[in-house]
Amino acid sequence: MLKLYGFAVSNYFNMVKHVLLYKGVEFEEVLTFPGMDPAYNAKSPMGKVPCIETENGFLAETSVILNYIEAAYPARPLLAGDDWQRAKMAELMKIAELYFELPARRLFPEVLAGKPVSAEIKAEVRETITKGCQALTQLVKPAPYVFGEAMTMADVVLRYSLLTCKLATQAIYQWDVRGEVPGLREWDDMMASAEISQQLDKAMQDGMAAFLEAVKTKA
C-alpha cells in the first residue's frame, strides 16, 4: 500500500492527501516533521514533506508526486483535456506556488513564532502577492471551478496555496486577498465546503498544537 509521509498542518501534504482521497487511492499516513529525523533524508533527499513510498521506492516534491499519482491512478482524472488545457493548469499551479504560497511563507516567523519580520520584507511580500492577484484576475473566471464545471488539480493546488497566503496576509496586513480577484471568495468557500476539504481542515486544526511544539523543539 502507498505510504504518505508528512503532517496535517502542511499545505503541500494536504494537496497530495486531497488528491489521493478524491481518487479513492488506499494509502497509509506516516506522521513526519521535516528536519526532525536525519534518516528521513534517505526517503526525501532534501528532507521535505510530503514524500510517498510506492512499490518502486520513494518520491518527493509535491508537483512531481501529484503528476505521478495522476498517471498511476487515472480514475477520476484531475488533469483532463488536451495538451494546451493541461499546460494552462500547470501555469496556474505554478503561479499559485510562486506568487501566493512561497512569498507568504516569508511572513511565517512572525505569524507562527512571534519573531518580527522587517518592514522591507513585508512590503516585498505584499507586492508579490498583489502581482499574483493580478495574474489570477487575468487567468481565472470560476465557473464554478477555475477551469470550468469539473474540479482539476489546479483547484486543489490553488486552494491549499491560498490557505497559507490567507493565514499570513490576514495576520500581518489584515488583508483578505480573495477580495482582489473577482469570484475568488465564492470559489474558495465552495472548495472549503467539500467533504474532503472539511476533513483535512479539521485534521489541520487538530494537529496544530503538535506542529507548533515540533517547531519550538527544533528551534
N, C-alpha and C. Protein backbone atom coordinates (compact mmCIF):
# COMPACT_ATOMS: atom_id res chain seq x y z
N MET A 1 0.84 -1.20 0.00
CA MET A 1 0.00 0.00 0.00
C MET A 1 0.88 1.26 0.00
N LEU A 2 0.46 2.25 -0.74
CA LEU A 2 1.18 3.51 -0.79
C LEU A 2 1.22 4.16 0.59
N LYS A 3 2.37 4.75 0.94
CA LYS A 3 2.51 5.48 2.20
C LYS A 3 2.75 6.95 1.91
N LEU A 4 2.12 7.80 2.70
CA LEU A 4 2.24 9.24 2.57
C LEU A 4 2.88 9.79 3.84
N TYR A 5 4.07 10.38 3.70
CA TYR A 5 4.81 10.94 4.82
C TYR A 5 4.56 12.44 4.90
N GLY A 6 4.30 12.91 6.12
CA GLY A 6 4.09 14.33 6.31
C GLY A 6 3.25 14.58 7.54
N PHE A 7 2.67 15.77 7.62
CA PHE A 7 1.87 16.13 8.79
C PHE A 7 0.71 17.02 8.36
N ALA A 8 -0.34 17.00 9.14
CA ALA A 8 -1.63 17.57 8.73
C ALA A 8 -1.63 19.08 8.57
N VAL A 9 -0.64 19.79 9.15
CA VAL A 9 -0.62 21.24 9.04
C VAL A 9 0.05 21.69 7.74
N SER A 10 0.75 20.78 7.09
CA SER A 10 1.44 21.12 5.85
C SER A 10 0.46 21.23 4.69
N ASN A 11 0.44 22.38 4.02
CA ASN A 11 -0.47 22.52 2.89
C ASN A 11 -0.03 21.65 1.72
N TYR A 12 1.27 21.43 1.56
CA TYR A 12 1.74 20.56 0.48
C TYR A 12 1.32 19.11 0.74
N PHE A 13 1.42 18.68 1.98
CA PHE A 13 0.93 17.36 2.37
C PHE A 13 -0.55 17.24 2.05
N ASN A 14 -1.31 18.30 2.33
CA ASN A 14 -2.76 18.26 2.11
C ASN A 14 -3.13 18.28 0.64
N MET A 15 -2.30 18.91 -0.20
CA MET A 15 -2.55 18.82 -1.64
C MET A 15 -2.54 17.37 -2.09
N VAL A 16 -1.51 16.64 -1.67
CA VAL A 16 -1.38 15.24 -2.07
C VAL A 16 -2.48 14.39 -1.44
N LYS A 17 -2.74 14.61 -0.16
CA LYS A 17 -3.76 13.82 0.52
C LYS A 17 -5.14 14.05 -0.09
N HIS A 18 -5.44 15.31 -0.43
CA HIS A 18 -6.73 15.62 -1.05
C HIS A 18 -6.90 14.84 -2.35
N VAL A 19 -5.85 14.83 -3.17
CA VAL A 19 -5.93 14.13 -4.45
C VAL A 19 -6.08 12.62 -4.25
N LEU A 20 -5.35 12.07 -3.30
CA LEU A 20 -5.47 10.63 -3.02
C LEU A 20 -6.88 10.27 -2.56
N LEU A 21 -7.44 11.08 -1.67
CA LEU A 21 -8.80 10.82 -1.20
C LEU A 21 -9.81 10.98 -2.32
N TYR A 22 -9.64 12.00 -3.13
CA TYR A 22 -10.56 12.24 -4.24
C TYR A 22 -10.56 11.08 -5.22
N LYS A 23 -9.39 10.52 -5.47
CA LYS A 23 -9.27 9.42 -6.42
C LYS A 23 -9.59 8.06 -5.80
N GLY A 24 -9.77 8.03 -4.48
CA GLY A 24 -10.09 6.77 -3.82
C GLY A 24 -8.91 5.82 -3.71
N VAL A 25 -7.70 6.38 -3.66
CA VAL A 25 -6.49 5.56 -3.56
C VAL A 25 -6.27 5.18 -2.10
N GLU A 26 -6.03 3.90 -1.83
CA GLU A 26 -5.73 3.46 -0.48
C GLU A 26 -4.30 3.86 -0.13
N PHE A 27 -4.11 4.40 1.06
CA PHE A 27 -2.78 4.80 1.49
C PHE A 27 -2.70 4.83 3.01
N GLU A 28 -1.49 4.80 3.50
CA GLU A 28 -1.22 4.87 4.93
C GLU A 28 -0.47 6.17 5.22
N GLU A 29 -0.89 6.89 6.23
CA GLU A 29 -0.19 8.11 6.63
C GLU A 29 0.91 7.79 7.63
N VAL A 30 2.06 8.42 7.45
CA VAL A 30 3.18 8.27 8.37
C VAL A 30 3.54 9.67 8.87
N LEU A 31 3.24 9.96 10.14
CA LEU A 31 3.49 11.29 10.69
C LEU A 31 4.98 11.60 10.64
N THR A 32 5.33 12.68 9.95
CA THR A 32 6.72 13.05 9.76
C THR A 32 6.84 14.57 9.72
N PHE A 33 7.72 15.11 10.57
CA PHE A 33 8.01 16.54 10.54
C PHE A 33 9.35 16.75 9.85
N PRO A 34 9.46 17.73 8.98
CA PRO A 34 10.74 17.94 8.26
C PRO A 34 11.86 18.32 9.21
N GLY A 35 13.04 17.81 8.93
CA GLY A 35 14.22 18.19 9.69
C GLY A 35 14.34 17.59 11.07
N MET A 36 13.43 16.67 11.42
CA MET A 36 13.44 16.09 12.76
C MET A 36 14.18 14.75 12.82
N ASP A 37 14.22 14.04 11.71
CA ASP A 37 14.82 12.71 11.68
C ASP A 37 15.79 12.62 10.50
N PRO A 38 17.10 12.60 10.77
CA PRO A 38 18.08 12.54 9.67
C PRO A 38 17.87 11.34 8.75
N ALA A 39 17.33 10.25 9.29
CA ALA A 39 17.11 9.05 8.47
C ALA A 39 16.06 9.30 7.40
N TYR A 40 15.20 10.31 7.61
CA TYR A 40 14.15 10.60 6.63
C TYR A 40 14.75 11.07 5.30
N ASN A 41 15.96 11.63 5.34
CA ASN A 41 16.59 12.11 4.11
C ASN A 41 16.88 10.99 3.13
N ALA A 42 16.90 9.76 3.61
CA ALA A 42 17.05 8.63 2.70
C ALA A 42 15.80 8.41 1.87
N LYS A 43 14.69 8.95 2.34
CA LYS A 43 13.42 8.85 1.62
C LYS A 43 13.17 10.11 0.79
N SER A 44 13.38 11.27 1.39
CA SER A 44 13.19 12.56 0.73
C SER A 44 14.53 13.29 0.77
N PRO A 45 15.27 13.35 -0.33
CA PRO A 45 16.66 13.84 -0.32
C PRO A 45 16.87 15.19 0.33
N MET A 46 15.88 16.09 0.24
CA MET A 46 16.01 17.40 0.85
C MET A 46 15.36 17.45 2.23
N GLY A 47 14.84 16.32 2.68
CA GLY A 47 14.21 16.26 3.98
C GLY A 47 12.85 16.93 4.05
N LYS A 48 12.26 17.23 2.90
CA LYS A 48 10.98 17.94 2.85
C LYS A 48 9.81 16.96 2.89
N VAL A 49 8.67 17.46 3.30
CA VAL A 49 7.42 16.71 3.20
C VAL A 49 6.52 17.45 2.22
N PRO A 50 5.64 16.69 1.54
CA PRO A 50 5.43 15.26 1.69
C PRO A 50 6.43 14.44 0.88
N CYS A 51 6.34 13.15 1.14
CA CYS A 51 7.07 12.14 0.38
C CYS A 51 6.14 10.94 0.32
N ILE A 52 6.18 10.20 -0.76
CA ILE A 52 5.38 8.98 -0.83
C ILE A 52 6.31 7.78 -1.01
N GLU A 53 5.85 6.66 -0.49
CA GLU A 53 6.55 5.39 -0.67
C GLU A 53 5.67 4.49 -1.53
N THR A 54 6.21 4.05 -2.66
CA THR A 54 5.48 3.18 -3.58
C THR A 54 6.20 1.84 -3.66
N GLU A 55 5.63 0.93 -4.41
CA GLU A 55 6.28 -0.36 -4.59
C GLU A 55 7.62 -0.23 -5.31
N ASN A 56 7.82 0.90 -5.98
CA ASN A 56 9.07 1.14 -6.71
C ASN A 56 10.10 1.95 -5.91
N GLY A 57 9.68 2.49 -4.78
CA GLY A 57 10.59 3.30 -3.98
C GLY A 57 9.94 4.60 -3.54
N PHE A 58 10.77 5.57 -3.19
CA PHE A 58 10.29 6.82 -2.62
C PHE A 58 10.28 7.93 -3.67
N LEU A 59 9.37 8.89 -3.46
CA LEU A 59 9.24 10.01 -4.39
C LEU A 59 8.93 11.26 -3.58
N ALA A 60 9.69 12.34 -3.84
CA ALA A 60 9.50 13.61 -3.14
C ALA A 60 9.18 14.71 -4.13
N GLU A 61 8.89 15.89 -3.59
CA GLU A 61 8.49 17.11 -4.30
C GLU A 61 7.02 17.00 -4.74
N THR A 62 6.22 17.92 -4.22
CA THR A 62 4.77 17.83 -4.36
C THR A 62 4.30 17.77 -5.81
N SER A 63 4.81 18.65 -6.66
CA SER A 63 4.34 18.66 -8.05
C SER A 63 4.67 17.35 -8.75
N VAL A 64 5.83 16.78 -8.43
CA VAL A 64 6.23 15.50 -9.01
C VAL A 64 5.30 14.39 -8.51
N ILE A 65 5.01 14.41 -7.22
CA ILE A 65 4.13 13.41 -6.63
C ILE A 65 2.74 13.49 -7.27
N LEU A 66 2.22 14.70 -7.42
CA LEU A 66 0.89 14.86 -8.00
C LEU A 66 0.83 14.34 -9.43
N ASN A 67 1.86 14.61 -10.20
CA ASN A 67 1.91 14.11 -11.58
C ASN A 67 1.98 12.59 -11.60
N TYR A 68 2.74 12.01 -10.67
CA TYR A 68 2.84 10.55 -10.60
C TYR A 68 1.48 9.94 -10.25
N ILE A 69 0.81 10.51 -9.26
CA ILE A 69 -0.49 9.97 -8.84
C ILE A 69 -1.49 10.03 -9.99
N GLU A 70 -1.48 11.14 -10.72
CA GLU A 70 -2.40 11.28 -11.85
C GLU A 70 -2.14 10.21 -12.90
N ALA A 71 -0.86 9.90 -13.15
CA ALA A 71 -0.52 8.90 -14.16
C ALA A 71 -0.77 7.48 -13.65
N ALA A 72 -0.44 7.23 -12.38
CA ALA A 72 -0.55 5.88 -11.83
C ALA A 72 -1.98 5.50 -11.47
N TYR A 73 -2.80 6.50 -11.17
CA TYR A 73 -4.18 6.25 -10.76
C TYR A 73 -5.10 7.12 -11.63
N PRO A 74 -5.35 6.72 -12.86
CA PRO A 74 -6.06 7.57 -13.82
C PRO A 74 -7.55 7.73 -13.55
N ALA A 75 -8.12 6.92 -12.64
CA ALA A 75 -9.54 7.08 -12.34
C ALA A 75 -9.79 8.47 -11.75
N ARG A 76 -10.91 9.06 -12.13
CA ARG A 76 -11.28 10.41 -11.71
C ARG A 76 -10.16 11.40 -12.05
N PRO A 77 -9.87 11.57 -13.33
CA PRO A 77 -8.74 12.41 -13.74
C PRO A 77 -8.87 13.85 -13.27
N LEU A 78 -7.72 14.43 -12.92
CA LEU A 78 -7.66 15.82 -12.48
C LEU A 78 -6.82 16.69 -13.40
N LEU A 79 -6.26 16.08 -14.44
CA LEU A 79 -5.53 16.82 -15.46
C LEU A 79 -6.08 16.44 -16.83
N ALA A 80 -7.36 16.63 -16.98
CA ALA A 80 -8.04 16.26 -18.22
C ALA A 80 -7.86 17.33 -19.28
N GLY A 81 -8.32 17.01 -20.48
CA GLY A 81 -8.26 17.98 -21.57
C GLY A 81 -7.08 17.73 -22.49
N ASP A 82 -6.89 18.65 -23.43
CA ASP A 82 -5.80 18.50 -24.39
C ASP A 82 -4.50 19.08 -23.82
N ASP A 83 -3.45 19.03 -24.61
CA ASP A 83 -2.14 19.48 -24.14
C ASP A 83 -2.17 20.94 -23.69
N TRP A 84 -2.90 21.77 -24.44
CA TRP A 84 -2.98 23.19 -24.10
C TRP A 84 -3.69 23.41 -22.77
N GLN A 85 -4.80 22.71 -22.58
CA GLN A 85 -5.55 22.86 -21.33
C GLN A 85 -4.72 22.41 -20.13
N ARG A 86 -4.00 21.31 -20.29
CA ARG A 86 -3.16 20.83 -19.19
C ARG A 86 -2.01 21.80 -18.91
N ALA A 87 -1.49 22.41 -19.98
CA ALA A 87 -0.43 23.41 -19.80
C ALA A 87 -0.95 24.63 -19.05
N LYS A 88 -2.18 25.04 -19.33
CA LYS A 88 -2.76 26.19 -18.63
C LYS A 88 -2.99 25.86 -17.16
N MET A 89 -3.35 24.62 -16.87
CA MET A 89 -3.48 24.20 -15.47
C MET A 89 -2.13 24.28 -14.77
N ALA A 90 -1.09 23.81 -15.45
CA ALA A 90 0.25 23.85 -14.88
C ALA A 90 0.69 25.30 -14.65
N GLU A 91 0.33 26.18 -15.56
CA GLU A 91 0.65 27.60 -15.42
C GLU A 91 0.03 28.16 -14.15
N LEU A 92 -1.25 27.87 -13.95
CA LEU A 92 -1.95 28.39 -12.78
C LEU A 92 -1.37 27.81 -11.49
N MET A 93 -1.02 26.52 -11.49
CA MET A 93 -0.45 25.91 -10.30
C MET A 93 0.90 26.53 -9.96
N LYS A 94 1.69 26.85 -10.96
CA LYS A 94 2.98 27.49 -10.73
C LYS A 94 2.79 28.90 -10.17
N ILE A 95 1.82 29.64 -10.68
CA ILE A 95 1.53 30.97 -10.16
C ILE A 95 1.08 30.89 -8.71
N ALA A 96 0.24 29.90 -8.39
CA ALA A 96 -0.23 29.73 -7.01
C ALA A 96 0.95 29.51 -6.06
N GLU A 97 1.93 28.75 -6.50
CA GLU A 97 3.09 28.47 -5.66
C GLU A 97 4.02 29.69 -5.56
N LEU A 98 4.36 30.28 -6.70
CA LEU A 98 5.37 31.33 -6.72
C LEU A 98 4.88 32.68 -6.20
N TYR A 99 3.59 32.98 -6.37
CA TYR A 99 3.09 34.31 -6.05
C TYR A 99 2.11 34.35 -4.88
N PHE A 100 1.80 33.20 -4.30
CA PHE A 100 0.94 33.15 -3.12
C PHE A 100 1.59 32.36 -1.99
N GLU A 101 1.87 31.08 -2.25
CA GLU A 101 2.36 30.21 -1.19
C GLU A 101 3.75 30.58 -0.71
N LEU A 102 4.70 30.63 -1.61
CA LEU A 102 6.09 30.87 -1.21
C LEU A 102 6.33 32.26 -0.61
N PRO A 103 5.80 33.33 -1.19
CA PRO A 103 6.03 34.64 -0.55
C PRO A 103 5.37 34.72 0.83
N ALA A 104 4.19 34.12 0.97
CA ALA A 104 3.51 34.15 2.27
C ALA A 104 4.36 33.48 3.35
N ARG A 105 5.13 32.48 2.99
CA ARG A 105 5.99 31.79 3.97
C ARG A 105 7.05 32.72 4.56
N ARG A 106 7.41 33.75 3.86
CA ARG A 106 8.41 34.69 4.38
C ARG A 106 7.87 35.43 5.61
N LEU A 107 6.55 35.41 5.79
CA LEU A 107 5.94 36.07 6.95
C LEU A 107 5.76 35.13 8.13
N PHE A 108 6.02 33.85 7.93
CA PHE A 108 5.75 32.85 8.96
C PHE A 108 6.54 33.04 10.26
N PRO A 109 7.79 33.51 10.22
CA PRO A 109 8.47 33.71 11.50
C PRO A 109 7.67 34.57 12.47
N GLU A 110 7.03 35.61 11.94
CA GLU A 110 6.22 36.47 12.81
C GLU A 110 4.86 35.86 13.09
N VAL A 111 4.25 35.26 12.07
CA VAL A 111 2.91 34.70 12.23
C VAL A 111 2.90 33.50 13.18
N LEU A 112 3.88 32.62 13.04
CA LEU A 112 3.87 31.37 13.81
C LEU A 112 4.74 31.41 15.06
N ALA A 113 5.82 32.19 15.01
CA ALA A 113 6.76 32.14 16.12
C ALA A 113 6.93 33.49 16.84
N GLY A 114 6.24 34.52 16.38
CA GLY A 114 6.33 35.81 17.04
C GLY A 114 7.64 36.53 16.85
N LYS A 115 8.42 36.14 15.82
CA LYS A 115 9.69 36.80 15.54
C LYS A 115 9.45 37.86 14.47
N PRO A 116 9.63 39.12 14.79
CA PRO A 116 9.27 40.19 13.84
C PRO A 116 9.96 40.07 12.49
N VAL A 117 9.17 40.31 11.45
CA VAL A 117 9.67 40.36 10.09
C VAL A 117 9.83 41.82 9.72
N SER A 118 10.88 42.16 9.00
CA SER A 118 11.17 43.55 8.69
C SER A 118 10.09 44.17 7.81
N ALA A 119 9.98 45.48 7.90
CA ALA A 119 9.02 46.21 7.06
C ALA A 119 9.36 46.03 5.59
N GLU A 120 10.64 45.91 5.27
CA GLU A 120 11.05 45.72 3.88
C GLU A 120 10.53 44.39 3.33
N ILE A 121 10.66 43.33 4.11
CA ILE A 121 10.16 42.02 3.67
C ILE A 121 8.65 42.06 3.54
N LYS A 122 7.98 42.68 4.49
CA LYS A 122 6.52 42.77 4.43
C LYS A 122 6.08 43.50 3.16
N ALA A 123 6.78 44.56 2.79
CA ALA A 123 6.43 45.31 1.59
C ALA A 123 6.68 44.46 0.34
N GLU A 124 7.80 43.75 0.31
CA GLU A 124 8.12 42.89 -0.83
C GLU A 124 7.07 41.79 -1.00
N VAL A 125 6.69 41.18 0.11
CA VAL A 125 5.71 40.09 0.06
C VAL A 125 4.38 40.60 -0.44
N ARG A 126 3.95 41.74 0.07
CA ARG A 126 2.65 42.27 -0.37
C ARG A 126 2.67 42.61 -1.85
N GLU A 127 3.78 43.15 -2.32
CA GLU A 127 3.89 43.48 -3.75
C GLU A 127 3.82 42.21 -4.60
N THR A 128 4.50 41.16 -4.18
CA THR A 128 4.49 39.91 -4.93
C THR A 128 3.10 39.30 -4.97
N ILE A 129 2.43 39.27 -3.83
CA ILE A 129 1.09 38.69 -3.78
C ILE A 129 0.10 39.52 -4.59
N THR A 130 0.28 40.83 -4.58
CA THR A 130 -0.58 41.69 -5.40
C THR A 130 -0.44 41.35 -6.87
N LYS A 131 0.80 41.09 -7.31
CA LYS A 131 1.02 40.66 -8.69
C LYS A 131 0.35 39.32 -8.95
N GLY A 132 0.39 38.43 -7.97
CA GLY A 132 -0.29 37.16 -8.11
C GLY A 132 -1.79 37.33 -8.28
N CYS A 133 -2.36 38.25 -7.52
CA CYS A 133 -3.80 38.53 -7.64
C CYS A 133 -4.14 39.07 -9.03
N GLN A 134 -3.27 39.91 -9.55
CA GLN A 134 -3.49 40.45 -10.89
C GLN A 134 -3.45 39.34 -11.94
N ALA A 135 -2.52 38.40 -11.76
CA ALA A 135 -2.42 37.27 -12.68
C ALA A 135 -3.67 36.40 -12.60
N LEU A 136 -4.14 36.13 -11.37
CA LEU A 136 -5.35 35.31 -11.21
C LEU A 136 -6.55 35.99 -11.86
N THR A 137 -6.65 37.29 -11.71
CA THR A 137 -7.76 38.03 -12.32
C THR A 137 -7.77 37.83 -13.82
N GLN A 138 -6.60 37.76 -14.41
CA GLN A 138 -6.48 37.57 -15.85
C GLN A 138 -6.78 36.13 -16.26
N LEU A 139 -6.39 35.18 -15.42
CA LEU A 139 -6.45 33.76 -15.81
C LEU A 139 -7.70 33.03 -15.35
N VAL A 140 -8.30 33.48 -14.25
CA VAL A 140 -9.34 32.69 -13.59
C VAL A 140 -10.68 33.40 -13.61
N LYS A 141 -11.69 32.69 -14.11
CA LYS A 141 -13.07 33.14 -14.03
C LYS A 141 -13.88 31.92 -13.62
N PRO A 142 -13.96 31.66 -12.30
CA PRO A 142 -14.57 30.41 -11.82
C PRO A 142 -15.95 30.16 -12.38
N ALA A 143 -16.17 28.89 -12.81
CA ALA A 143 -17.45 28.55 -13.44
C ALA A 143 -17.86 27.10 -13.21
N PRO A 144 -18.06 26.60 -12.03
CA PRO A 144 -17.71 27.22 -10.75
C PRO A 144 -16.26 26.98 -10.35
N TYR A 145 -15.60 25.97 -11.00
CA TYR A 145 -14.18 25.71 -10.72
C TYR A 145 -13.32 26.58 -11.63
N VAL A 146 -12.02 26.60 -11.38
CA VAL A 146 -11.17 27.55 -12.09
C VAL A 146 -11.04 27.23 -13.58
N PHE A 147 -11.31 25.97 -13.96
CA PHE A 147 -11.28 25.63 -15.38
C PHE A 147 -12.61 25.03 -15.86
N GLY A 148 -13.70 25.52 -15.28
CA GLY A 148 -15.00 25.11 -15.79
C GLY A 148 -15.84 24.35 -14.78
N GLU A 149 -16.57 23.36 -15.27
CA GLU A 149 -17.58 22.68 -14.46
C GLU A 149 -17.00 21.57 -13.59
N ALA A 150 -15.80 21.11 -13.87
CA ALA A 150 -15.22 19.99 -13.12
C ALA A 150 -13.98 20.46 -12.36
N MET A 151 -13.78 19.90 -11.18
CA MET A 151 -12.58 20.21 -10.40
C MET A 151 -11.35 19.60 -11.08
N THR A 152 -10.25 20.34 -11.05
CA THR A 152 -8.99 19.87 -11.60
C THR A 152 -7.90 19.98 -10.53
N MET A 153 -6.72 19.52 -10.89
CA MET A 153 -5.57 19.63 -9.99
C MET A 153 -5.30 21.08 -9.64
N ALA A 154 -5.59 21.98 -10.57
CA ALA A 154 -5.34 23.40 -10.32
C ALA A 154 -6.18 23.91 -9.16
N ASP A 155 -7.41 23.43 -9.03
CA ASP A 155 -8.26 23.83 -7.91
C ASP A 155 -7.64 23.39 -6.59
N VAL A 156 -7.15 22.17 -6.56
CA VAL A 156 -6.57 21.62 -5.32
C VAL A 156 -5.33 22.41 -4.93
N VAL A 157 -4.42 22.62 -5.88
CA VAL A 157 -3.18 23.33 -5.57
C VAL A 157 -3.45 24.77 -5.18
N LEU A 158 -4.34 25.44 -5.88
CA LEU A 158 -4.67 26.83 -5.55
C LEU A 158 -5.32 26.92 -4.18
N ARG A 159 -6.18 25.97 -3.85
CA ARG A 159 -6.87 26.01 -2.57
C ARG A 159 -5.89 25.98 -1.40
N TYR A 160 -4.95 25.06 -1.43
CA TYR A 160 -4.03 24.93 -0.29
C TYR A 160 -2.92 25.97 -0.33
N SER A 161 -2.58 26.48 -1.49
CA SER A 161 -1.65 27.61 -1.56
C SER A 161 -2.31 28.85 -0.97
N LEU A 162 -3.60 29.02 -1.25
CA LEU A 162 -4.33 30.18 -0.75
C LEU A 162 -4.52 30.10 0.76
N LEU A 163 -4.64 28.90 1.31
CA LEU A 163 -4.77 28.76 2.76
C LEU A 163 -3.57 29.38 3.47
N THR A 164 -2.38 29.05 3.00
CA THR A 164 -1.17 29.61 3.57
C THR A 164 -1.15 31.13 3.42
N CYS A 165 -1.50 31.58 2.24
CA CYS A 165 -1.49 33.01 1.96
C CYS A 165 -2.48 33.76 2.83
N LYS A 166 -3.68 33.23 2.97
CA LYS A 166 -4.70 33.89 3.79
C LYS A 166 -4.26 33.98 5.24
N LEU A 167 -3.68 32.91 5.76
CA LEU A 167 -3.21 32.91 7.14
C LEU A 167 -2.22 34.03 7.39
N ALA A 168 -1.27 34.17 6.47
CA ALA A 168 -0.21 35.16 6.65
C ALA A 168 -0.70 36.58 6.40
N THR A 169 -1.42 36.79 5.32
CA THR A 169 -1.82 38.16 4.97
C THR A 169 -2.87 38.72 5.91
N GLN A 170 -3.74 37.87 6.42
CA GLN A 170 -4.72 38.36 7.38
C GLN A 170 -4.05 38.73 8.70
N ALA A 171 -3.04 37.93 9.10
CA ALA A 171 -2.35 38.20 10.36
C ALA A 171 -1.48 39.45 10.27
N ILE A 172 -0.79 39.64 9.16
CA ILE A 172 0.18 40.73 9.04
C ILE A 172 -0.45 42.02 8.54
N TYR A 173 -1.30 41.91 7.52
CA TYR A 173 -1.85 43.12 6.89
C TYR A 173 -3.35 43.33 7.16
N GLN A 174 -3.99 42.35 7.81
CA GLN A 174 -5.45 42.36 7.92
C GLN A 174 -6.08 42.49 6.53
N TRP A 175 -5.56 41.68 5.62
CA TRP A 175 -5.90 41.76 4.19
C TRP A 175 -6.44 40.41 3.73
N ASP A 176 -7.67 40.41 3.23
CA ASP A 176 -8.24 39.21 2.64
C ASP A 176 -7.98 39.27 1.13
N VAL A 177 -6.98 38.54 0.69
CA VAL A 177 -6.57 38.63 -0.72
C VAL A 177 -7.66 38.16 -1.67
N ARG A 178 -8.61 37.38 -1.17
CA ARG A 178 -9.67 36.87 -2.04
C ARG A 178 -10.49 38.00 -2.65
N GLY A 179 -10.57 39.12 -1.95
CA GLY A 179 -11.33 40.25 -2.46
C GLY A 179 -10.69 40.93 -3.65
N GLU A 180 -9.44 40.58 -3.96
CA GLU A 180 -8.73 41.20 -5.07
C GLU A 180 -9.04 40.54 -6.41
N VAL A 181 -9.64 39.36 -6.37
CA VAL A 181 -9.88 38.60 -7.61
C VAL A 181 -11.37 38.29 -7.72
N PRO A 182 -12.06 38.78 -8.74
CA PRO A 182 -13.49 38.53 -8.88
C PRO A 182 -13.81 37.03 -8.85
N GLY A 183 -14.74 36.68 -7.97
CA GLY A 183 -15.20 35.30 -7.90
C GLY A 183 -14.34 34.39 -7.03
N LEU A 184 -13.18 34.89 -6.57
CA LEU A 184 -12.27 34.00 -5.82
C LEU A 184 -12.81 33.65 -4.45
N ARG A 185 -13.46 34.59 -3.79
CA ARG A 185 -14.02 34.29 -2.47
C ARG A 185 -15.11 33.23 -2.57
N GLU A 186 -15.96 33.35 -3.57
CA GLU A 186 -17.04 32.36 -3.74
C GLU A 186 -16.45 30.99 -4.09
N TRP A 187 -15.44 30.97 -4.95
CA TRP A 187 -14.77 29.71 -5.28
C TRP A 187 -14.13 29.10 -4.05
N ASP A 188 -13.46 29.91 -3.25
CA ASP A 188 -12.78 29.41 -2.05
C ASP A 188 -13.78 28.84 -1.06
N ASP A 189 -14.90 29.51 -0.90
CA ASP A 189 -15.94 29.00 0.00
C ASP A 189 -16.51 27.67 -0.51
N MET A 190 -16.68 27.57 -1.83
CA MET A 190 -17.17 26.32 -2.41
C MET A 190 -16.18 25.19 -2.16
N MET A 191 -14.90 25.44 -2.39
CA MET A 191 -13.88 24.42 -2.17
C MET A 191 -13.84 24.01 -0.70
N ALA A 192 -13.98 24.98 0.19
CA ALA A 192 -13.93 24.69 1.63
C ALA A 192 -15.11 23.86 2.09
N SER A 193 -16.22 23.94 1.36
CA SER A 193 -17.43 23.21 1.77
C SER A 193 -17.39 21.74 1.37
N ALA A 194 -16.44 21.35 0.53
CA ALA A 194 -16.34 19.95 0.09
C ALA A 194 -15.98 19.06 1.28
N GLU A 195 -16.49 17.85 1.28
CA GLU A 195 -16.28 16.92 2.40
C GLU A 195 -14.79 16.67 2.64
N ILE A 196 -14.02 16.48 1.58
CA ILE A 196 -12.59 16.21 1.75
C ILE A 196 -11.90 17.43 2.36
N SER A 197 -12.23 18.61 1.89
CA SER A 197 -11.63 19.83 2.43
C SER A 197 -11.93 19.97 3.92
N GLN A 198 -13.17 19.70 4.30
CA GLN A 198 -13.54 19.81 5.70
C GLN A 198 -12.79 18.80 6.55
N GLN A 199 -12.61 17.60 6.02
CA GLN A 199 -11.86 16.56 6.73
C GLN A 199 -10.41 16.99 6.96
N LEU A 200 -9.79 17.54 5.92
CA LEU A 200 -8.39 17.94 6.03
C LEU A 200 -8.24 19.21 6.88
N ASP A 201 -9.19 20.12 6.79
CA ASP A 201 -9.13 21.32 7.62
C ASP A 201 -9.24 20.96 9.10
N LYS A 202 -10.09 20.01 9.43
CA LYS A 202 -10.22 19.58 10.83
C LYS A 202 -8.93 18.92 11.31
N ALA A 203 -8.34 18.07 10.46
CA ALA A 203 -7.08 17.44 10.83
C ALA A 203 -5.99 18.48 11.02
N MET A 204 -6.02 19.54 10.21
CA MET A 204 -5.05 20.62 10.35
C MET A 204 -5.21 21.32 11.69
N GLN A 205 -6.44 21.62 12.05
CA GLN A 205 -6.69 22.28 13.33
C GLN A 205 -6.29 21.38 14.49
N ASP A 206 -6.61 20.10 14.39
CA ASP A 206 -6.29 19.16 15.47
C ASP A 206 -4.78 18.96 15.60
N GLY A 207 -4.06 19.09 14.49
CA GLY A 207 -2.62 18.85 14.52
C GLY A 207 -1.78 20.07 14.77
N MET A 208 -2.41 21.24 14.91
CA MET A 208 -1.64 22.48 15.04
C MET A 208 -0.79 22.51 16.30
N ALA A 209 -1.32 22.02 17.42
CA ALA A 209 -0.56 22.07 18.68
C ALA A 209 0.71 21.24 18.58
N ALA A 210 0.60 20.04 17.99
CA ALA A 210 1.78 19.18 17.84
C ALA A 210 2.79 19.81 16.90
N PHE A 211 2.30 20.47 15.86
CA PHE A 211 3.19 21.13 14.91
C PHE A 211 3.96 22.27 15.57
N LEU A 212 3.26 23.11 16.32
CA LEU A 212 3.92 24.24 16.97
C LEU A 212 4.93 23.76 18.02
N GLU A 213 4.62 22.67 18.68
CA GLU A 213 5.56 22.09 19.62
C GLU A 213 6.80 21.57 18.93
N ALA A 214 6.60 20.97 17.74
CA ALA A 214 7.75 20.49 16.96
C ALA A 214 8.61 21.65 16.50
N VAL A 215 7.97 22.76 16.10
CA VAL A 215 8.72 23.95 15.70
C VAL A 215 9.54 24.50 16.87
N LYS A 216 8.92 24.53 18.06
CA LYS A 216 9.60 25.04 19.25
C LYS A 216 10.80 24.15 19.62
N THR A 217 10.59 22.83 19.51
CA THR A 217 11.65 21.88 19.85
C THR A 217 12.82 22.03 18.89
N LYS A 218 12.51 22.21 17.60
CA LYS A 218 13.57 22.35 16.58
C LYS A 218 14.35 23.63 16.81
N ALA A 219 13.63 24.70 17.17
CA ALA A 219 14.29 25.98 17.41
C ALA A 219 15.20 25.93 18.63
